[in-house]
PDB file of N, CA and C in Angstrom:
ATOM      1  N   UNK A   1     -20.005  -2.621 -19.469  1.00  0.00           N
ATOM      2  CA  UNK A   1     -20.344  -1.884 -18.254  1.00  0.00           C
ATOM      3  C   UNK A   1     -19.594  -0.559 -18.260  1.00  0.00           C
ATOM      4  N   UNK A   2     -20.261   0.475 -17.926  1.00  0.00           N
ATOM      5  CA  UNK A   2     -19.664   1.794 -17.948  1.00  0.00           C
ATOM      6  C   UNK A   2     -18.939   2.085 -16.641  1.00  0.00           C
ATOM      7  N   UNK A   3     -17.863   2.848 -16.728  1.00  0.00           N
ATOM      8  CA  UNK A   3     -17.148   3.228 -15.513  1.00  0.00           C
ATOM      9  C   UNK A   3     -17.608   4.584 -15.008  1.00  0.00           C
ATOM     10  N   UNK A   4     -18.638   5.134 -15.617  1.00  0.00           N
ATOM     11  CA  UNK A   4     -19.119   6.430 -15.162  1.00  0.00           C
ATOM     12  C   UNK A   4     -19.830   6.277 -13.827  1.00  0.00           C
ATOM     13  N   UNK A   5     -19.777   7.326 -13.067  1.00  0.00           N
ATOM     14  CA  UNK A   5     -20.398   7.341 -11.741  1.00  0.00           C
ATOM     15  C   UNK A   5     -21.752   8.031 -11.808  1.00  0.00           C
ATOM     16  N   UNK A   6     -22.658   7.710 -10.889  1.00  0.00           N
ATOM     17  CA  UNK A   6     -23.916   8.450 -10.812  1.00  0.00           C
ATOM     18  C   UNK A   6     -23.639   9.935 -10.560  1.00  0.00           C
ATOM     19  N   UNK A   7     -24.536  10.785 -10.994  1.00  0.00           N
ATOM     20  CA  UNK A   7     -24.343  12.233 -10.881  1.00  0.00           C
ATOM     21  C   UNK A   7     -24.088  12.676  -9.441  1.00  0.00           C
ATOM     22  N   UNK A   8     -24.637  11.977  -8.466  1.00  0.00           N
ATOM     23  CA  UNK A   8     -24.443  12.353  -7.071  1.00  0.00           C
ATOM     24  C   UNK A   8     -23.013  12.101  -6.596  1.00  0.00           C
ATOM     25  N   UNK A   9     -22.231  11.347  -7.368  1.00  0.00           N
ATOM     26  CA  UNK A   9     -20.867  11.002  -6.955  1.00  0.00           C
ATOM     27  C   UNK A   9     -19.793  11.841  -7.625  1.00  0.00           C
ATOM     28  N   UNK A  10     -20.193  12.848  -8.369  1.00  0.00           N
ATOM     29  CA  UNK A  10     -19.219  13.744  -8.992  1.00  0.00           C
ATOM     30  C   UNK A  10     -19.621  15.184  -8.714  1.00  0.00           C
ATOM     31  N   UNK A  11     -18.653  16.077  -8.797  1.00  0.00           N
ATOM     32  CA  UNK A  11     -18.938  17.478  -8.521  1.00  0.00           C
ATOM     33  C   UNK A  11     -18.009  18.378  -9.297  1.00  0.00           C
ATOM     34  N   UNK A  12     -17.926  19.605  -8.873  1.00  0.00           N
ATOM     35  CA  UNK A  12     -17.104  20.616  -9.541  1.00  0.00           C
ATOM     36  C   UNK A  12     -15.988  21.138  -8.648  1.00  0.00           C
ATOM     37  N   UNK A  13     -15.730  20.480  -7.529  1.00  0.00           N
ATOM     38  CA  UNK A  13     -14.699  20.936  -6.598  1.00  0.00           C
ATOM     39  C   UNK A  13     -13.301  20.725  -7.151  1.00  0.00           C
ATOM     40  N   UNK A  14     -12.368  21.485  -6.644  1.00  0.00           N
ATOM     41  CA  UNK A  14     -10.959  21.379  -7.038  1.00  0.00           C
ATOM     42  C   UNK A  14     -10.090  21.535  -5.796  1.00  0.00           C
ATOM     43  N   UNK A  15      -8.957  20.857  -5.800  1.00  0.00           N
ATOM     44  CA  UNK A  15      -8.010  20.992  -4.700  1.00  0.00           C
ATOM     45  C   UNK A  15      -7.092  22.167  -5.013  1.00  0.00           C
ATOM     46  N   UNK A  16      -7.073  23.132  -4.130  1.00  0.00           N
ATOM     47  CA  UNK A  16      -6.222  24.309  -4.297  1.00  0.00           C
ATOM     48  C   UNK A  16      -4.996  24.171  -3.408  1.00  0.00           C
ATOM     49  N   UNK A  17      -3.913  24.800  -3.782  1.00  0.00           N
ATOM     50  CA  UNK A  17      -2.664  24.717  -3.031  1.00  0.00           C
ATOM     51  C   UNK A  17      -2.817  25.087  -1.573  1.00  0.00           C
ATOM     52  N   UNK A  18      -3.670  26.040  -1.295  1.00  0.00           N
ATOM     53  CA  UNK A  18      -3.855  26.475   0.093  1.00  0.00           C
ATOM     54  C   UNK A  18      -4.636  25.450   0.920  1.00  0.00           C
ATOM     55  N   UNK A  19      -5.217  24.450   0.269  1.00  0.00           N
ATOM     56  CA  UNK A  19      -6.024  23.454   0.969  1.00  0.00           C
ATOM     57  C   UNK A  19      -5.273  22.153   1.242  1.00  0.00           C
ATOM     58  N   UNK A  20      -3.986  22.086   0.927  1.00  0.00           N
ATOM     59  CA  UNK A  20      -3.231  20.835   1.059  1.00  0.00           C
ATOM     60  C   UNK A  20      -3.272  20.311   2.499  1.00  0.00           C
ATOM     61  N   UNK A  21      -2.981  21.156   3.475  1.00  0.00           N
ATOM     62  CA  UNK A  21      -2.978  20.697   4.865  1.00  0.00           C
ATOM     63  C   UNK A  21      -4.376  20.281   5.323  1.00  0.00           C
ATOM     64  N   UNK A  22      -5.390  21.019   4.894  1.00  0.00           N
ATOM     65  CA  UNK A  22      -6.757  20.677   5.284  1.00  0.00           C
ATOM     66  C   UNK A  22      -7.231  19.393   4.617  1.00  0.00           C
ATOM     67  N   UNK A  23      -6.568  18.970   3.544  1.00  0.00           N
ATOM     68  CA  UNK A  23      -6.986  17.762   2.839  1.00  0.00           C
ATOM     69  C   UNK A  23      -6.321  16.497   3.381  1.00  0.00           C
ATOM     70  N   UNK A  24      -5.329  16.617   4.266  1.00  0.00           N
ATOM     71  CA  UNK A  24      -4.644  15.440   4.798  1.00  0.00           C
ATOM     72  C   UNK A  24      -5.589  14.450   5.497  1.00  0.00           C
ATOM     73  N   UNK A  25      -6.575  14.889   6.281  1.00  0.00           N
ATOM     74  CA  UNK A  25      -7.495  13.912   6.885  1.00  0.00           C
ATOM     75  C   UNK A  25      -8.322  13.146   5.845  1.00  0.00           C
ATOM     76  N   UNK A  26      -8.415  13.678   4.634  1.00  0.00           N
ATOM     77  CA  UNK A  26      -9.174  13.019   3.575  1.00  0.00           C
ATOM     78  C   UNK A  26      -8.344  11.998   2.806  1.00  0.00           C
ATOM     79  N   UNK A  27      -7.061  11.874   3.139  1.00  0.00           N
ATOM     80  CA  UNK A  27      -6.167  10.985   2.396  1.00  0.00           C
ATOM     81  C   UNK A  27      -6.632   9.530   2.400  1.00  0.00           C
ATOM     82  N   UNK A  28      -6.994   8.920   3.542  1.00  0.00           N
ATOM     83  CA  UNK A  28      -7.462   7.522   3.497  1.00  0.00           C
ATOM     84  C   UNK A  28      -8.701   7.344   2.612  1.00  0.00           C
ATOM     85  N   UNK A  29      -9.602   8.298   2.672  1.00  0.00           N
ATOM     86  CA  UNK A  29     -10.814   8.253   1.850  1.00  0.00           C
ATOM     87  C   UNK A  29     -10.448   8.292   0.366  1.00  0.00           C
ATOM     88  N   UNK A  30      -9.535   9.185  -0.005  1.00  0.00           N
ATOM     89  CA  UNK A  30      -9.171   9.313  -1.410  1.00  0.00           C
ATOM     90  C   UNK A  30      -8.310   8.152  -1.902  1.00  0.00           C
ATOM     91  N   UNK A  31      -7.521   7.536  -1.013  1.00  0.00           N
ATOM     92  CA  UNK A  31      -6.781   6.324  -1.396  1.00  0.00           C
ATOM     93  C   UNK A  31      -7.775   5.202  -1.694  1.00  0.00           C
ATOM     94  N   UNK A  32      -8.776   5.040  -0.828  1.00  0.00           N
ATOM     95  CA  UNK A  32      -9.810   4.027  -1.063  1.00  0.00           C
ATOM     96  C   UNK A  32     -10.549   4.307  -2.369  1.00  0.00           C
ATOM     97  N   UNK A  33     -10.839   5.576  -2.645  1.00  0.00           N
ATOM     98  CA  UNK A  33     -11.497   5.926  -3.901  1.00  0.00           C
ATOM     99  C   UNK A  33     -10.613   5.618  -5.099  1.00  0.00           C
ATOM    100  N   UNK A  34      -9.300   5.817  -4.972  1.00  0.00           N
ATOM    101  CA  UNK A  34      -8.378   5.476  -6.058  1.00  0.00           C
ATOM    102  C   UNK A  34      -8.429   3.982  -6.356  1.00  0.00           C
ATOM    103  N   UNK A  35      -8.445   3.167  -5.307  1.00  0.00           N
ATOM    104  CA  UNK A  35      -8.536   1.715  -5.494  1.00  0.00           C
ATOM    105  C   UNK A  35      -9.857   1.329  -6.154  1.00  0.00           C
ATOM    106  N   UNK A  36     -10.936   1.951  -5.728  1.00  0.00           N
ATOM    107  CA  UNK A  36     -12.235   1.671  -6.339  1.00  0.00           C
ATOM    108  C   UNK A  36     -12.274   2.092  -7.801  1.00  0.00           C
ATOM    109  N   UNK A  37     -11.681   3.236  -8.117  1.00  0.00           N
ATOM    110  CA  UNK A  37     -11.632   3.682  -9.516  1.00  0.00           C
ATOM    111  C   UNK A  37     -10.827   2.699 -10.358  1.00  0.00           C
ATOM    112  N   UNK A  38      -9.722   2.210  -9.806  1.00  0.00           N
ATOM    113  CA  UNK A  38      -8.916   1.213 -10.512  1.00  0.00           C
ATOM    114  C   UNK A  38      -9.699  -0.067 -10.749  1.00  0.00           C
ATOM    115  N   UNK A  39     -10.415  -0.528  -9.739  1.00  0.00           N
ATOM    116  CA  UNK A  39     -11.254  -1.721  -9.875  1.00  0.00           C
ATOM    117  C   UNK A  39     -12.315  -1.506 -10.952  1.00  0.00           C
ATOM    118  N   UNK A  40     -12.983  -0.346 -10.896  1.00  0.00           N
ATOM    119  CA  UNK A  40     -14.053  -0.072 -11.861  1.00  0.00           C
ATOM    120  C   UNK A  40     -13.523   0.032 -13.287  1.00  0.00           C
ATOM    121  N   UNK A  41     -12.289   0.485 -13.441  1.00  0.00           N
ATOM    122  CA  UNK A  41     -11.716   0.643 -14.782  1.00  0.00           C
ATOM    123  C   UNK A  41     -11.163  -0.667 -15.351  1.00  0.00           C
ATOM    124  N   UNK A  42     -10.900  -1.652 -14.494  1.00  0.00           N
ATOM    125  CA  UNK A  42     -10.266  -2.884 -14.984  1.00  0.00           C
ATOM    126  C   UNK A  42     -11.116  -4.115 -14.688  1.00  0.00           C
ATOM    127  N   UNK A  43     -11.119  -4.573 -13.469  1.00  0.00           N
ATOM    128  CA  UNK A  43     -11.738  -5.843 -13.100  1.00  0.00           C
ATOM    129  C   UNK A  43     -13.246  -5.822 -13.312  1.00  0.00           C
ATOM    130  N   UNK A  44     -13.887  -4.722 -13.026  1.00  0.00           N
ATOM    131  CA  UNK A  44     -15.332  -4.625 -13.127  1.00  0.00           C
ATOM    132  C   UNK A  44     -15.834  -4.957 -14.537  1.00  0.00           C
ATOM    133  N   UNK A  45     -15.054  -4.665 -15.556  1.00  0.00           N
ATOM    134  CA  UNK A  45     -15.462  -4.942 -16.935  1.00  0.00           C
ATOM    135  C   UNK A  45     -15.565  -6.437 -17.212  1.00  0.00           C
ATOM    136  N   UNK A  46     -14.792  -7.258 -16.519  1.00  0.00           N
ATOM    137  CA  UNK A  46     -14.823  -8.699 -16.734  1.00  0.00           C
ATOM    138  C   UNK A  46     -16.171  -9.297 -16.319  1.00  0.00           C
ATOM    139  N   UNK A  47     -16.838  -8.695 -15.343  1.00  0.00           N
ATOM    140  CA  UNK A  47     -18.108  -9.207 -14.861  1.00  0.00           C
ATOM    141  C   UNK A  47     -19.284  -8.807 -15.743  1.00  0.00           C
ATOM    142  N   UNK A  48     -19.172  -7.714 -16.447  1.00  0.00           N
ATOM    143  CA  UNK A  48     -20.288  -7.235 -17.243  1.00  0.00           C
ATOM    144  C   UNK A  48     -21.342  -6.589 -16.353  1.00  0.00           C
ATOM    145  N   UNK A  49     -22.520  -6.427 -16.888  1.00  0.00           N
ATOM    146  CA  UNK A  49     -23.614  -5.754 -16.178  1.00  0.00           C
ATOM    147  C   UNK A  49     -24.464  -6.801 -15.457  1.00  0.00           C
ATOM    148  N   UNK A  50     -24.019  -7.251 -14.279  1.00  0.00           N
ATOM    149  CA  UNK A  50     -24.696  -8.329 -13.570  1.00  0.00           C
ATOM    150  C   UNK A  50     -25.318  -7.896 -12.246  1.00  0.00           C
ATOM    151  N   UNK A  51     -25.102  -6.698 -11.802  1.00  0.00           N
ATOM    152  CA  UNK A  51     -25.607  -6.265 -10.497  1.00  0.00           C
ATOM    153  C   UNK A  51     -27.127  -6.130 -10.536  1.00  0.00           C
ATOM    154  N   UNK A  52     -27.788  -6.622  -9.508  1.00  0.00           N
ATOM    155  CA  UNK A  52     -29.240  -6.561  -9.418  1.00  0.00           C
ATOM    156  C   UNK A  52     -29.714  -5.187  -8.912  1.00  0.00           C
ATOM    157  N   UNK A  53     -28.795  -4.411  -8.407  1.00  0.00           N
ATOM    158  CA  UNK A  53     -29.139  -3.111  -7.848  1.00  0.00           C
ATOM    159  C   UNK A  53     -28.634  -1.986  -8.741  1.00  0.00           C
ATOM    160  N   UNK A  54     -29.233  -0.818  -8.568  1.00  0.00           N
ATOM    161  CA  UNK A  54     -28.713   0.400  -9.181  1.00  0.00           C
ATOM    162  C   UNK A  54     -28.470   1.383  -8.053  1.00  0.00           C
ATOM    163  N   UNK A  55     -27.336   2.032  -7.982  1.00  0.00           N
ATOM    164  CA  UNK A  55     -26.166   1.846  -8.833  1.00  0.00           C
ATOM    165  C   UNK A  55     -25.491   0.505  -8.565  1.00  0.00           C
ATOM    166  N   UNK A  56     -24.570   0.146  -9.432  1.00  0.00           N
ATOM    167  CA  UNK A  56     -23.854  -1.117  -9.255  1.00  0.00           C
ATOM    168  C   UNK A  56     -23.158  -1.128  -7.898  1.00  0.00           C
ATOM    169  N   UNK A  57     -22.741  -2.297  -7.467  1.00  0.00           N
ATOM    170  CA  UNK A  57     -22.105  -2.411  -6.145  1.00  0.00           C
ATOM    171  C   UNK A  57     -20.838  -1.559  -6.055  1.00  0.00           C
ATOM    172  N   UNK A  58     -20.073  -1.492  -7.144  1.00  0.00           N
ATOM    173  CA  UNK A  58     -18.847  -0.691  -7.089  1.00  0.00           C
ATOM    174  C   UNK A  58     -19.162   0.804  -7.073  1.00  0.00           C
ATOM    175  N   UNK A  59     -20.199   1.233  -7.792  1.00  0.00           N
ATOM    176  CA  UNK A  59     -20.594   2.643  -7.741  1.00  0.00           C
ATOM    177  C   UNK A  59     -21.173   2.979  -6.371  1.00  0.00           C
ATOM    178  N   UNK A  60     -21.895   2.037  -5.759  1.00  0.00           N
ATOM    179  CA  UNK A  60     -22.397   2.216  -4.399  1.00  0.00           C
ATOM    180  C   UNK A  60     -21.222   2.408  -3.446  1.00  0.00           C
ATOM    181  N   UNK A  61     -20.180   1.578  -3.614  1.00  0.00           N
ATOM    182  CA  UNK A  61     -19.004   1.674  -2.748  1.00  0.00           C
ATOM    183  C   UNK A  61     -18.354   3.044  -2.870  1.00  0.00           C
ATOM    184  N   UNK A  62     -18.264   3.571  -4.089  1.00  0.00           N
ATOM    185  CA  UNK A  62     -17.685   4.910  -4.283  1.00  0.00           C
ATOM    186  C   UNK A  62     -18.500   5.942  -3.516  1.00  0.00           C
ATOM    187  N   UNK A  63     -19.811   5.917  -3.666  1.00  0.00           N
ATOM    188  CA  UNK A  63     -20.659   6.878  -2.962  1.00  0.00           C
ATOM    189  C   UNK A  63     -20.580   6.732  -1.453  1.00  0.00           C
ATOM    190  N   UNK A  64     -20.534   5.496  -0.967  1.00  0.00           N
ATOM    191  CA  UNK A  64     -20.461   5.270   0.478  1.00  0.00           C
ATOM    192  C   UNK A  64     -19.135   5.765   1.047  1.00  0.00           C
ATOM    193  N   UNK A  65     -18.034   5.505   0.357  1.00  0.00           N
ATOM    194  CA  UNK A  65     -16.723   5.968   0.828  1.00  0.00           C
ATOM    195  C   UNK A  65     -16.643   7.490   0.753  1.00  0.00           C
ATOM    196  N   UNK A  66     -17.177   8.079  -0.299  1.00  0.00           N
ATOM    197  CA  UNK A  66     -17.176   9.539  -0.402  1.00  0.00           C
ATOM    198  C   UNK A  66     -17.919  10.150   0.778  1.00  0.00           C
ATOM    199  N   UNK A  67     -19.080   9.662   1.089  1.00  0.00           N
ATOM    200  CA  UNK A  67     -19.935  10.260   2.105  1.00  0.00           C
ATOM    201  C   UNK A  67     -19.516   9.930   3.530  1.00  0.00           C
ATOM    202  N   UNK A  68     -19.032   8.706   3.766  1.00  0.00           N
ATOM    203  CA  UNK A  68     -18.841   8.239   5.138  1.00  0.00           C
ATOM    204  C   UNK A  68     -17.398   7.907   5.507  1.00  0.00           C
ATOM    205  N   UNK A  69     -16.475   8.019   4.563  1.00  0.00           N
ATOM    206  CA  UNK A  69     -15.078   7.728   4.854  1.00  0.00           C
ATOM    207  C   UNK A  69     -14.702   6.302   4.487  1.00  0.00           C
ATOM    208  N   UNK A  70     -13.402   6.007   4.588  1.00  0.00           N
ATOM    209  CA  UNK A  70     -12.878   4.727   4.132  1.00  0.00           C
ATOM    210  C   UNK A  70     -13.396   3.554   4.960  1.00  0.00           C
ATOM    211  N   UNK A  71     -13.442   3.674   6.268  1.00  0.00           N
ATOM    212  CA  UNK A  71     -13.814   2.539   7.124  1.00  0.00           C
ATOM    213  C   UNK A  71     -15.324   2.282   7.076  1.00  0.00           C
ATOM    214  N   UNK A  72     -16.114   3.267   7.430  1.00  0.00           N
ATOM    215  CA  UNK A  72     -17.565   3.073   7.449  1.00  0.00           C
ATOM    216  C   UNK A  72     -18.099   2.836   6.035  1.00  0.00           C
ATOM    217  N   UNK A  73     -17.575   3.565   5.048  1.00  0.00           N
ATOM    218  CA  UNK A  73     -18.015   3.377   3.663  1.00  0.00           C
ATOM    219  C   UNK A  73     -17.697   1.986   3.154  1.00  0.00           C
ATOM    220  N   UNK A  74     -16.538   1.441   3.515  1.00  0.00           N
ATOM    221  CA  UNK A  74     -16.184   0.077   3.111  1.00  0.00           C
ATOM    222  C   UNK A  74     -17.098  -0.938   3.782  1.00  0.00           C
ATOM    223  N   UNK A  75     -17.449  -0.706   5.044  1.00  0.00           N
ATOM    224  CA  UNK A  75     -18.374  -1.602   5.739  1.00  0.00           C
ATOM    225  C   UNK A  75     -19.757  -1.554   5.088  1.00  0.00           C
ATOM    226  N   UNK A  76     -20.201  -0.369   4.705  1.00  0.00           N
ATOM    227  CA  UNK A  76     -21.485  -0.243   4.016  1.00  0.00           C
ATOM    228  C   UNK A  76     -21.451  -0.983   2.680  1.00  0.00           C
ATOM    229  N   UNK A  77     -20.335  -0.858   1.948  1.00  0.00           N
ATOM    230  CA  UNK A  77     -20.194  -1.540   0.658  1.00  0.00           C
ATOM    231  C   UNK A  77     -20.176  -3.055   0.840  1.00  0.00           C
ATOM    232  N   UNK A  78     -19.505  -3.531   1.889  1.00  0.00           N
ATOM    233  CA  UNK A  78     -19.474  -4.981   2.154  1.00  0.00           C
ATOM    234  C   UNK A  78     -20.878  -5.491   2.463  1.00  0.00           C
ATOM    235  N   UNK A  79     -21.655  -4.727   3.224  1.00  0.00           N
ATOM    236  CA  UNK A  79     -23.032  -5.121   3.522  1.00  0.00           C
ATOM    237  C   UNK A  79     -23.872  -5.147   2.251  1.00  0.00           C
ATOM    238  N   UNK A  80     -23.645  -4.204   1.377  1.00  0.00           N
ATOM    239  CA  UNK A  80     -24.375  -4.170   0.098  1.00  0.00           C
ATOM    240  C   UNK A  80     -24.021  -5.382  -0.755  1.00  0.00           C
ATOM    241  N   UNK A  81     -22.743  -5.732  -0.815  1.00  0.00           N
ATOM    242  CA  UNK A  81     -22.317  -6.901  -1.594  1.00  0.00           C
ATOM    243  C   UNK A  81     -22.948  -8.170  -1.016  1.00  0.00           C
ATOM    244  N   UNK A  82     -23.051  -8.249   0.305  1.00  0.00           N
ATOM    245  CA  UNK A  82     -23.682  -9.411   0.941  1.00  0.00           C
ATOM    246  C   UNK A  82     -25.167  -9.510   0.586  1.00  0.00           C
ATOM    247  N   UNK A  83     -25.818  -8.369   0.357  1.00  0.00           N
ATOM    248  CA  UNK A  83     -27.241  -8.363  -0.034  1.00  0.00           C
ATOM    249  C   UNK A  83     -27.435  -8.723  -1.497  1.00  0.00           C
ATOM    250  N   UNK A  84     -26.381  -8.638  -2.305  1.00  0.00           N
ATOM    251  CA  UNK A  84     -26.480  -8.849  -3.751  1.00  0.00           C
ATOM    252  C   UNK A  84     -26.267 -10.331  -4.054  1.00  0.00           C
ATOM    253  N   UNK A  85     -27.362 -11.045  -4.286  1.00  0.00           N
ATOM    254  CA  UNK A  85     -27.306 -12.471  -4.602  1.00  0.00           C
ATOM    255  C   UNK A  85     -28.434 -12.774  -5.589  1.00  0.00           C
ATOM    256  N   UNK A  86     -28.422 -13.946  -6.199  1.00  0.00           N
ATOM    257  CA  UNK A  86     -29.418 -14.240  -7.244  1.00  0.00           C
ATOM    258  C   UNK A  86     -30.869 -14.144  -6.792  1.00  0.00           C
ATOM    259  N   UNK A  87     -31.161 -14.274  -5.503  1.00  0.00           N
ATOM    260  CA  UNK A  87     -32.534 -14.231  -5.027  1.00  0.00           C
ATOM    261  C   UNK A  87     -32.941 -12.848  -4.515  1.00  0.00           C
ATOM    262  N   UNK A  88     -32.040 -11.892  -4.578  1.00  0.00           N
ATOM    263  CA  UNK A  88     -32.354 -10.527  -4.122  1.00  0.00           C
ATOM    264  C   UNK A  88     -33.327  -9.871  -5.096  1.00  0.00           C
ATOM    265  N   UNK A  89     -34.223  -9.071  -4.562  1.00  0.00           N
ATOM    266  CA  UNK A  89     -35.178  -8.364  -5.410  1.00  0.00           C
ATOM    267  C   UNK A  89     -34.487  -7.293  -6.251  1.00  0.00           C
ATOM    268  N   UNK A  90     -33.411  -6.717  -5.729  1.00  0.00           N
ATOM    269  CA  UNK A  90     -32.695  -5.671  -6.464  1.00  0.00           C
ATOM    270  C   UNK A  90     -33.445  -4.358  -6.416  1.00  0.00           C
ATOM    271  N   UNK A  91     -33.137  -3.473  -7.353  1.00  0.00           N
ATOM    272  CA  UNK A  91     -33.787  -2.170  -7.426  1.00  0.00           C
ATOM    273  C   UNK A  91     -32.814  -1.048  -7.113  1.00  0.00           C
ATOM    274  N   UNK A  92     -33.359   0.123  -6.905  1.00  0.00           N
ATOM    275  CA  UNK A  92     -32.544   1.302  -6.618  1.00  0.00           C
ATOM    276  C   UNK A  92     -32.149   1.264  -5.146  1.00  0.00           C
ATOM    277  N   UNK A  93     -30.855   1.388  -4.894  1.00  0.00           N
ATOM    278  CA  UNK A  93     -30.326   1.349  -3.529  1.00  0.00           C
ATOM    279  C   UNK A  93     -29.114   2.278  -3.456  1.00  0.00           C
ATOM    280  N   UNK A  94     -29.372   3.544  -3.278  1.00  0.00           N
ATOM    281  CA  UNK A  94     -28.288   4.523  -3.176  1.00  0.00           C
ATOM    282  C   UNK A  94     -27.738   4.540  -1.758  1.00  0.00           C
ATOM    283  N   UNK A  95     -26.432   4.828  -1.611  1.00  0.00           N
ATOM    284  CA  UNK A  95     -25.908   4.989  -0.249  1.00  0.00           C
ATOM    285  C   UNK A  95     -26.534   6.237   0.373  1.00  0.00           C
ATOM    286  N   UNK A  96     -26.872   6.141   1.649  1.00  0.00           N
ATOM    287  CA  UNK A  96     -27.496   7.305   2.273  1.00  0.00           C
ATOM    288  C   UNK A  96     -26.451   8.407   2.445  1.00  0.00           C
ATOM    289  N   UNK A  97     -26.827   9.638   2.175  1.00  0.00           N
ATOM    290  CA  UNK A  97     -25.886  10.737   2.352  1.00  0.00           C
ATOM    291  C   UNK A  97     -25.583  10.966   3.830  1.00  0.00           C
ATOM    292  N   UNK A  98     -24.387  11.415   4.100  1.00  0.00           N
ATOM    293  CA  UNK A  98     -23.996  11.769   5.465  1.00  0.00           C
ATOM    294  C   UNK A  98     -24.690  13.084   5.805  1.00  0.00           C
ATOM    295  N   UNK A  99     -25.325  13.142   6.954  1.00  0.00           N
ATOM    296  CA  UNK A  99     -26.109  14.340   7.280  1.00  0.00           C
ATOM    297  C   UNK A  99     -25.244  15.578   7.479  1.00  0.00           C
ATOM    298  N   UNK A 100     -23.959  15.409   7.802  1.00  0.00           N
ATOM    299  CA  UNK A 100     -23.070  16.556   8.002  1.00  0.00           C
ATOM    300  C   UNK A 100     -21.922  16.578   6.995  1.00  0.00           C
ATOM    301  N   UNK A 101     -22.174  16.120   5.770  1.00  0.00           N
ATOM    302  CA  UNK A 101     -21.122  16.106   4.754  1.00  0.00           C
ATOM    303  C   UNK A 101     -20.714  17.544   4.458  1.00  0.00           C
ATOM    304  N   UNK A 102     -19.423  17.851   4.632  1.00  0.00           N
ATOM    305  CA  UNK A 102     -18.965  19.234   4.514  1.00  0.00           C
ATOM    306  C   UNK A 102     -17.805  19.378   3.540  1.00  0.00           C
ATOM    307  N   UNK A 103     -17.774  18.529   2.540  1.00  0.00           N
ATOM    308  CA  UNK A 103     -16.696  18.558   1.553  1.00  0.00           C
ATOM    309  C   UNK A 103     -17.273  18.749   0.163  1.00  0.00           C
ATOM    310  N   UNK A 104     -16.370  18.909  -0.805  1.00  0.00           N
ATOM    311  CA  UNK A 104     -16.775  18.982  -2.204  1.00  0.00           C
ATOM    312  C   UNK A 104     -16.255  17.744  -2.914  1.00  0.00           C
ATOM    313  N   UNK A 105     -16.894  17.394  -4.016  1.00  0.00           N
ATOM    314  CA  UNK A 105     -16.450  16.300  -4.857  1.00  0.00           C
ATOM    315  C   UNK A 105     -15.855  16.868  -6.134  1.00  0.00           C
ATOM    316  N   UNK A 106     -14.786  16.244  -6.615  1.00  0.00           N
ATOM    317  CA  UNK A 106     -14.164  16.672  -7.862  1.00  0.00           C
ATOM    318  C   UNK A 106     -14.892  16.026  -9.042  1.00  0.00           C
ATOM    319  N   UNK A 107     -14.605  16.453 -10.265  1.00  0.00           N
ATOM    320  CA  UNK A 107     -15.211  15.805 -11.433  1.00  0.00           C
ATOM    321  C   UNK A 107     -14.852  14.318 -11.550  1.00  0.00           C
ATOM    322  N   UNK A 108     -13.786  13.881 -10.900  1.00  0.00           N
ATOM    323  CA  UNK A 108     -13.393  12.469 -10.921  1.00  0.00           C
ATOM    324  C   UNK A 108     -13.885  11.720  -9.687  1.00  0.00           C
ATOM    325  N   UNK A 109     -14.606  12.385  -8.793  1.00  0.00           N
ATOM    326  CA  UNK A 109     -15.199  11.729  -7.643  1.00  0.00           C
ATOM    327  C   UNK A 109     -14.351  11.727  -6.381  1.00  0.00           C
ATOM    328  N   UNK A 110     -13.254  12.454  -6.357  1.00  0.00           N
ATOM    329  CA  UNK A 110     -12.452  12.526  -5.140  1.00  0.00           C
ATOM    330  C   UNK A 110     -13.027  13.596  -4.214  1.00  0.00           C
ATOM    331  N   UNK A 111     -12.682  13.503  -2.935  1.00  0.00           N
ATOM    332  CA  UNK A 111     -13.228  14.402  -1.918  1.00  0.00           C
ATOM    333  C   UNK A 111     -12.170  15.441  -1.549  1.00  0.00           C
ATOM    334  N   UNK A 112     -12.547  16.717  -1.586  1.00  0.00           N
ATOM    335  CA  UNK A 112     -11.641  17.820  -1.251  1.00  0.00           C
ATOM    336  C   UNK A 112     -12.336  18.752  -0.269  1.00  0.00           C
ATOM    337  N   UNK A 113     -11.554  19.505   0.511  1.00  0.00           N
ATOM    338  CA  UNK A 113     -12.174  20.476   1.422  1.00  0.00           C
ATOM    339  C   UNK A 113     -12.864  21.583   0.638  1.00  0.00           C
ATOM    340  N   UNK A 114     -13.883  22.145   1.247  1.00  0.00           N
ATOM    341  CA  UNK A 114     -14.559  23.288   0.648  1.00  0.00           C
ATOM    342  C   UNK A 114     -13.620  24.473   0.740  1.00  0.00           C
ATOM    343  N   UNK A 115     -13.383  25.122  -0.374  1.00  0.00           N
ATOM    344  CA  UNK A 115     -12.494  26.284  -0.387  1.00  0.00           C
ATOM    345  C   UNK A 115     -13.212  27.477   0.214  1.00  0.00           C
ATOM    346  N   UNK A 116     -12.505  28.254   1.053  1.00  0.00           N
ATOM    347  CA  UNK A 116     -13.145  29.447   1.623  1.00  0.00           C
ATOM    348  C   UNK A 116     -13.473  30.441   0.509  1.00  0.00           C
ATOM    349  N   UNK A 117     -14.616  31.046   0.664  1.00  0.00           N
ATOM    350  CA  UNK A 117     -15.052  32.042  -0.342  1.00  0.00           C
ATOM    351  C   UNK A 117     -14.230  33.324  -0.206  1.00  0.00           C
ATOM    352  N   UNK A 118     -13.953  33.926  -1.338  1.00  0.00           N
ATOM    353  CA  UNK A 118     -13.214  35.195  -1.351  1.00  0.00           C
ATOM    354  C   UNK A 118     -14.113  36.266  -1.951  1.00  0.00           C
ATOM    355  N   UNK A 119     -15.122  36.644  -1.175  1.00  0.00           N
ATOM    356  CA  UNK A 119     -16.084  37.660  -1.645  1.00  0.00           C
ATOM    357  C   UNK A 119     -15.604  39.041  -1.332  1.00  0.00           C
TER     358      UNK A 119
END
């Protein structure tokens, strides 16, 4: 099983020194993402490719936490895991994007504030 994330879960954003204070509200979200990355890099490999849905449940959790935050994203991931059973039809089931998502994603999938443009 690959630990790569779907293209929608990675970006080109970077955390700049001037954005440290603005990134503090994103700390719980990024801590949850760190735990998910750790799970995907270690425990997830023991299960192999068994998820009936695409993306896998752990990749879904990453996308849900990125878009909706640690609490709501974790609840969405728990609901997805509850739907994943041997009798489920499966298929493509992406987390719905947040309609007011105003952050950038890093190449590793973490969430950072949008840097102000210097035009």
